[in-house]
Amino acid sequence: MSNVDQFIEMTESEAVYEQECQKLEKRGKRLRRAALTTGILTVVSIIATIYTTIAVRWVLVEWQQPEKTAYEISEGMTSFKFGIFLELVVCIVDVIIGVTLGLIIVGAGVNPATAVTICTFKIVQQAVSAANIIFLVGASVLLDQSSSLYEVVQKYFYSDNLPPIGTQLSYLLLVVNQYGYYLQQSK
């Protein structure tokens, strides 16, 4: 049997079918890769959210007592700053999750308008989250005793009056962050 006899001739429809199968196989690999990426990033987002909820919102922030909150954040500034960093990580990761979910949905054959809607809501949610992060950074600037700005903040925002305006401003930023967080979670 020669090499020529080993090849089986395909009809044109069989060749087209073989090409379609190869395209579907490539699409399936891309969808699996996007799904794996989305799953890993979702786990990262969940772990970071658990930390920020427990270590920052439950431990450091006492919503009924602004002075205690300012003291707790000042004493636990490293934990608070790490929480801010993880909030930023969640913000970035959730945008990527929204985009990959959109790609997965389009790749699975769902209407692209649905995917665009999902991506849009995910990005708007993260815009609110980014504003919340700004409030947390503002509170940390007002309360971080090791910061180079702390001396300026003490001079201009704190007074002999009780409670000092710096504590009030930091608490205001935290309250705005709290309601922004509720808005963000309501989607």
Protein backbone atom coordinates (compact mmCIF):
# COMPACT_ATOMS: atom_id res chain seq x y z
CA MET A 1 0.00 0.00 0.00
CA SER A 2 1.53 3.32 -1.01
CA ASN A 3 1.31 6.67 0.77
CA VAL A 4 -1.28 7.89 -1.71
CA ASP A 5 -3.59 5.01 -0.91
CA GLN A 6 -3.47 5.89 2.83
CA PHE A 7 -5.30 9.18 2.39
CA ILE A 8 -9.02 9.02 2.35
CA GLU A 9 -10.70 11.47 0.09
CA MET A 10 -13.27 13.70 1.79
CA THR A 11 -16.24 15.16 0.09
CA GLU A 12 -16.60 18.90 0.18
CA SER A 13 -19.33 18.75 2.83
CA GLU A 14 -17.14 16.55 5.03
CA ALA A 15 -14.27 19.06 4.72
CA VAL A 16 -16.59 21.92 5.71
CA TYR A 17 -17.85 19.85 8.63
CA GLU A 18 -14.25 19.15 9.74
CA GLN A 19 -13.43 22.88 9.61
CA GLU A 20 -16.51 23.72 11.68
CA CYS A 21 -15.51 21.11 14.26
CA GLN A 22 -12.04 22.65 14.53
CA LYS A 23 -13.55 26.13 14.98
CA LEU A 24 -15.86 24.83 17.71
CA GLU A 25 -12.94 23.14 19.43
CA LYS A 26 -10.96 26.40 19.47
CA ARG A 27 -14.02 28.30 20.75
CA GLY A 28 -14.48 25.70 23.48
CA LYS A 29 -10.86 26.09 24.60
CA ARG A 30 -11.24 29.87 24.76
CA LEU A 31 -14.49 29.56 26.73
CA ARG A 32 -12.90 27.11 29.19
CA ARG A 33 -9.92 29.44 29.64
CA ALA A 34 -12.23 32.43 30.20
CA ALA A 35 -14.34 30.41 32.65
CA LEU A 36 -11.25 29.29 34.57
CA THR A 37 -9.97 32.88 34.74
CA THR A 38 -13.38 34.10 35.90
CA GLY A 39 -13.55 31.41 38.56
CA ILE A 40 -10.08 32.16 39.94
CA LEU A 41 -10.74 35.89 39.99
CA THR A 42 -14.08 35.31 41.71
CA VAL A 43 -12.31 33.37 44.47
CA VAL A 44 -9.81 36.24 44.86
CA SER A 45 -12.68 38.74 45.02
CA ILE A 46 -14.56 36.69 47.63
CA ILE A 47 -11.51 36.27 49.88
CA ALA A 48 -10.64 39.97 49.67
CA THR A 49 -14.26 40.95 50.37
CA ILE A 50 -14.39 38.67 53.40
CA TYR A 51 -11.24 40.31 54.80
CA THR A 52 -12.46 43.86 54.23
CA THR A 53 -15.87 43.10 55.68
CA ILE A 54 -14.60 41.37 58.81
CA ALA A 55 -11.31 43.17 59.52
CA VAL A 56 -12.38 46.68 58.54
CA ARG A 57 -16.15 47.09 58.66
CA TRP A 58 -16.84 44.80 61.62
CA VAL A 59 -13.71 45.25 63.76
CA LEU A 60 -12.43 48.80 63.17
CA VAL A 61 -15.61 50.72 62.45
CA GLU A 62 -18.16 51.32 65.21
CA TRP A 63 -21.03 53.13 63.48
CA GLN A 64 -22.53 54.49 66.67
CA GLN A 65 -19.28 55.95 68.08
CA PRO A 66 -17.19 58.16 65.76
CA GLU A 67 -14.45 58.81 68.34
CA LYS A 68 -14.01 55.10 69.02
CA THR A 69 -13.92 54.46 65.26
CA ALA A 70 -11.21 57.10 64.78
CA TYR A 71 -9.20 55.58 67.63
CA GLU A 72 -9.60 52.00 66.35
CA ILE A 73 -8.56 52.96 62.82
CA SER A 74 -5.58 54.95 64.11
CA GLU A 75 -4.48 51.96 66.19
CA GLY A 76 -5.13 49.44 63.41
CA MET A 77 -3.88 51.57 60.51
CA THR A 78 -1.95 48.71 58.88
CA SER A 79 -5.05 46.54 58.84
CA PHE A 80 -7.10 49.48 57.55
CA LYS A 81 -4.64 50.25 54.74
CA PHE A 82 -4.50 46.58 53.77
CA GLY A 83 -8.30 46.64 53.65
CA ILE A 84 -8.18 49.66 51.33
CA PHE A 85 -5.70 47.83 49.09
CA LEU A 86 -7.96 44.77 48.98
CA GLU A 87 -10.95 46.98 48.14
CA LEU A 88 -8.94 48.23 45.16
CA VAL A 89 -8.08 44.65 44.18
CA VAL A 90 -11.77 43.70 44.34
CA CYS A 91 -12.66 46.71 42.20
CA ILE A 92 -10.18 45.78 39.46
CA VAL A 93 -10.91 42.06 39.61
CA ASP A 94 -14.67 42.59 39.40
CA VAL A 95 -14.28 44.65 36.22
CA ILE A 96 -12.27 41.81 34.68
CA ILE A 97 -14.87 39.29 35.87
CA GLY A 98 -17.62 41.33 34.20
CA VAL A 99 -15.76 41.43 30.91
CA THR A 100 -14.91 37.71 30.93
CA LEU A 101 -18.50 36.84 31.84
CA GLY A 102 -19.61 38.88 28.84
CA LEU A 103 -17.16 36.99 26.62
CA ILE A 104 -18.35 33.66 27.97
CA ILE A 105 -21.99 34.56 27.39
CA VAL A 106 -21.33 35.72 23.81
CA GLY A 107 -19.19 32.64 23.17
CA ALA A 108 -22.00 30.42 24.41
CA GLY A 109 -24.32 31.94 21.83
CA VAL A 110 -26.38 34.30 23.97
CA ASN A 111 -27.50 37.63 22.55
CA PRO A 112 -24.57 40.13 22.65
CA ALA A 113 -26.92 42.82 24.04
CA THR A 114 -27.29 40.72 27.19
CA ALA A 115 -23.51 40.50 27.54
CA VAL A 116 -23.14 44.26 27.08
CA THR A 117 -25.80 44.87 29.72
CA ILE A 118 -24.03 42.62 32.22
CA CYS A 119 -20.66 44.27 31.54
CA THR A 120 -22.18 47.74 31.86
CA PHE A 121 -23.77 47.00 35.24
CA LYS A 122 -20.55 45.41 36.51
CA ILE A 123 -18.50 48.47 35.48
CA VAL A 124 -21.01 50.93 36.98
CA GLN A 125 -20.95 48.92 40.21
CA GLN A 126 -17.16 49.21 40.29
CA ALA A 127 -17.34 52.97 39.65
CA VAL A 128 -19.33 53.26 42.88
CA SER A 129 -16.77 51.01 44.55
CA ALA A 130 -13.95 53.28 43.35
CA ALA A 131 -15.70 56.29 44.91
CA ASN A 132 -15.96 54.31 48.15
CA ILE A 133 -12.23 53.65 48.03
CA ILE A 134 -11.61 57.40 47.74
CA PHE A 135 -13.60 57.92 50.97
CA LEU A 136 -11.55 55.24 52.73
CA VAL A 137 -8.31 56.87 51.57
CA GLY A 138 -9.58 60.23 52.83
CA ALA A 139 -10.34 58.74 56.24
CA SER A 140 -6.89 57.15 56.38
CA VAL A 141 -5.21 60.47 55.53
CA LEU A 142 -7.06 62.13 58.40
CA LEU A 143 -6.23 59.40 60.91
CA ASP A 144 -2.77 58.03 59.95
CA GLN A 145 -0.31 59.27 62.59
CA SER A 146 2.72 57.98 60.67
CA SER A 147 1.84 59.92 57.50
CA SER A 148 3.81 63.04 56.55
CA LEU A 149 0.48 64.82 56.07
CA TYR A 150 -0.67 64.04 59.59
CA GLU A 151 1.01 67.14 61.06
CA VAL A 152 -0.77 69.38 58.51
CA VAL A 153 -4.05 67.60 59.14
CA GLN A 154 -3.65 68.03 62.89
CA LYS A 155 -2.88 71.71 62.50
CA TYR A 156 -5.76 72.59 60.17
CA PHE A 157 -8.48 70.05 60.84
CA TYR A 158 -8.20 69.34 64.53
CA SER A 159 -9.04 71.79 67.26
CA ASP A 160 -9.52 71.93 71.00
CA ASN A 161 -13.25 71.53 70.53
CA LEU A 162 -14.76 68.17 71.29
CA PRO A 163 -15.02 66.20 69.08
CA PRO A 164 -12.30 67.52 66.77
CA ILE A 165 -13.35 68.30 63.23
CA GLY A 166 -10.80 65.83 61.80
CA THR A 167 -12.52 63.00 63.64
CA GLN A 168 -15.86 64.26 62.40
CA LEU A 169 -14.62 64.46 58.81
CA SER A 170 -13.10 60.99 58.93
CA TYR A 171 -16.36 59.64 60.37
CA LEU A 172 -18.32 61.47 57.66
CA LEU A 173 -16.15 59.84 54.99
CA LEU A 174 -16.71 56.43 56.59
CA VAL A 175 -20.48 56.95 56.73
CA VAL A 176 -20.53 57.99 53.06
CA ASN A 177 -18.45 54.89 52.33
CA GLN A 178 -20.96 52.74 54.25
CA TYR A 179 -23.91 53.95 52.20
CA GLY A 180 -21.90 53.72 49.00
CA TYR A 181 -21.10 50.13 49.95
CA TYR A 182 -24.81 49.43 50.41
CA LEU A 183 -25.52 51.00 47.02
CA GLN A 184 -22.75 48.96 45.41
CA GLN A 185 -24.08 45.72 46.93
CA SER A 186 -27.64 46.42 45.78
CA LYS A 187 -26.47 46.35 42.14
